[in-house]
Protein backbone atom coordinates (compact mmCIF):
# COMPACT_ATOMS: atom_id res chain seq x y z
CA MET A 1 92.81 109.59 127.28
CA THR A 2 96.02 107.32 125.29
CA ASP A 3 98.42 108.52 123.02
CA SER A 4 97.18 106.07 120.29
CA ALA A 5 94.39 108.43 120.59
CA ARG A 6 95.53 111.52 121.04
CA ALA A 7 97.10 110.91 117.84
CA GLN A 8 94.08 109.60 116.30
CA ARG A 9 91.97 113.13 117.46
CA ASP A 10 95.40 115.30 116.28
CA ARG A 11 95.23 113.64 113.42
CA LEU A 12 91.30 114.00 113.02
CA ARG A 13 91.20 117.80 113.71
CA TRP A 14 93.96 118.41 111.10
CA ARG A 15 91.95 116.43 108.31
CA CYS A 16 88.70 119.16 109.88
CA ARG A 17 90.14 122.29 107.94
CA ARG A 18 89.16 122.97 104.85
CA GLY A 19 89.05 124.96 102.37
CA MET A 20 85.88 126.35 104.13
CA LYS A 21 85.25 127.95 107.19
CA GLU A 22 82.22 126.55 107.74
CA LEU A 23 83.39 123.03 107.52
CA ASP A 24 85.63 123.86 109.47
CA VAL A 25 83.17 124.68 112.60
CA LEU A 26 81.09 122.10 111.74
CA LEU A 27 83.37 119.65 111.36
CA SER A 28 85.90 120.69 113.99
CA ARG A 29 82.88 120.54 116.15
CA TYR A 30 81.94 117.24 116.02
CA VAL A 31 85.27 114.87 117.16
CA GLU A 32 85.44 117.52 119.97
CA GLU A 33 82.42 117.14 121.42
CA ARG A 34 81.40 113.43 119.96
CA PHE A 35 84.18 111.46 117.97
CA ASP A 36 85.61 109.53 121.27
CA SER A 37 81.70 107.80 122.19
CA ALA A 38 81.23 107.38 119.14
CA PRO A 39 79.93 103.63 117.48
CA PRO A 40 83.44 102.28 115.17
CA ALA A 41 80.78 102.29 112.31
CA GLU A 42 80.09 106.10 113.09
CA ARG A 43 83.68 106.68 113.62
CA ALA A 44 85.06 105.16 110.56
CA ALA A 45 81.82 106.77 108.55
CA PHE A 46 83.03 110.15 109.20
CA GLU A 47 86.52 108.92 108.43
CA ALA A 48 85.29 108.00 105.16
CA LEU A 49 83.34 111.85 105.12
CA LEU A 50 86.59 113.69 105.54
CA GLU A 51 87.91 111.82 101.97
CA ASP A 52 85.07 113.64 100.24
CA GLN A 53 85.66 117.19 97.93
CA ASP A 54 83.92 120.33 100.23
CA PRO A 55 81.14 121.58 98.20
CA GLN A 56 80.00 117.98 98.14
CA ILE A 57 80.09 117.60 102.55
CA TYR A 58 78.67 121.18 102.80
CA ALA A 59 75.49 120.01 99.78
CA TYR A 60 75.65 117.40 102.11
CA CYS A 61 74.98 119.49 105.58
CA LEU A 62 72.19 122.05 103.60
CA ARG A 63 70.06 118.94 102.57
CA ILE A 64 70.87 120.01 99.23
CA SER A 65 72.50 116.63 97.35
CA PRO A 66 70.87 113.37 97.89
CA ILE A 67 72.89 112.14 101.12
CA PRO A 68 73.86 108.40 101.34
CA ALA A 69 72.19 106.47 104.37
CA HIS A 70 74.98 105.27 105.60
CA LEU A 71 76.36 108.99 106.31
CA ALA A 72 72.76 110.22 107.61
CA ALA A 73 72.47 109.57 111.02
CA LEU A 74 76.13 111.23 111.45
CA ILE A 75 75.36 114.09 108.84
CA GLU A 76 72.17 115.06 112.02
CA ARG A 77 74.46 114.15 114.24
CA ILE A 78 77.21 116.80 112.88
CA THR A 79 74.65 119.66 111.88
CA GLY A 80 72.17 118.60 114.69
CA ARG A 81 69.66 118.90 112.57
CA PRO A 82 67.52 115.60 111.60
CA SER A 83 67.52 114.28 108.23
CA GLY A 84 64.57 114.18 106.12
C-alpha cells in the first residue's frame, strides 16, 4: 500500500467515526474490507455518503427512507443486504 493510499484510508477511518456506534461499525467495516478494491465510482459514492448526516445514512442502511439510485449498490455492499 502506498503512502497516499494509507493516508486516504486513515482519513476515511476517521470520517467513519460517527455519533452512532452502529454506523461506526458498518462504515468502518466497509473501509477495511471493501474500499481498496472498489471501483472509482463506488469510492466516490462512499466519500459522498460520508457527507450525509448520521440519521440519513442510518435510514438508508435500514431501508427506512428511499435510497438514491446512485447509492443503492453501495448501501447493499455496506449492509450486506440487497436493496429492494
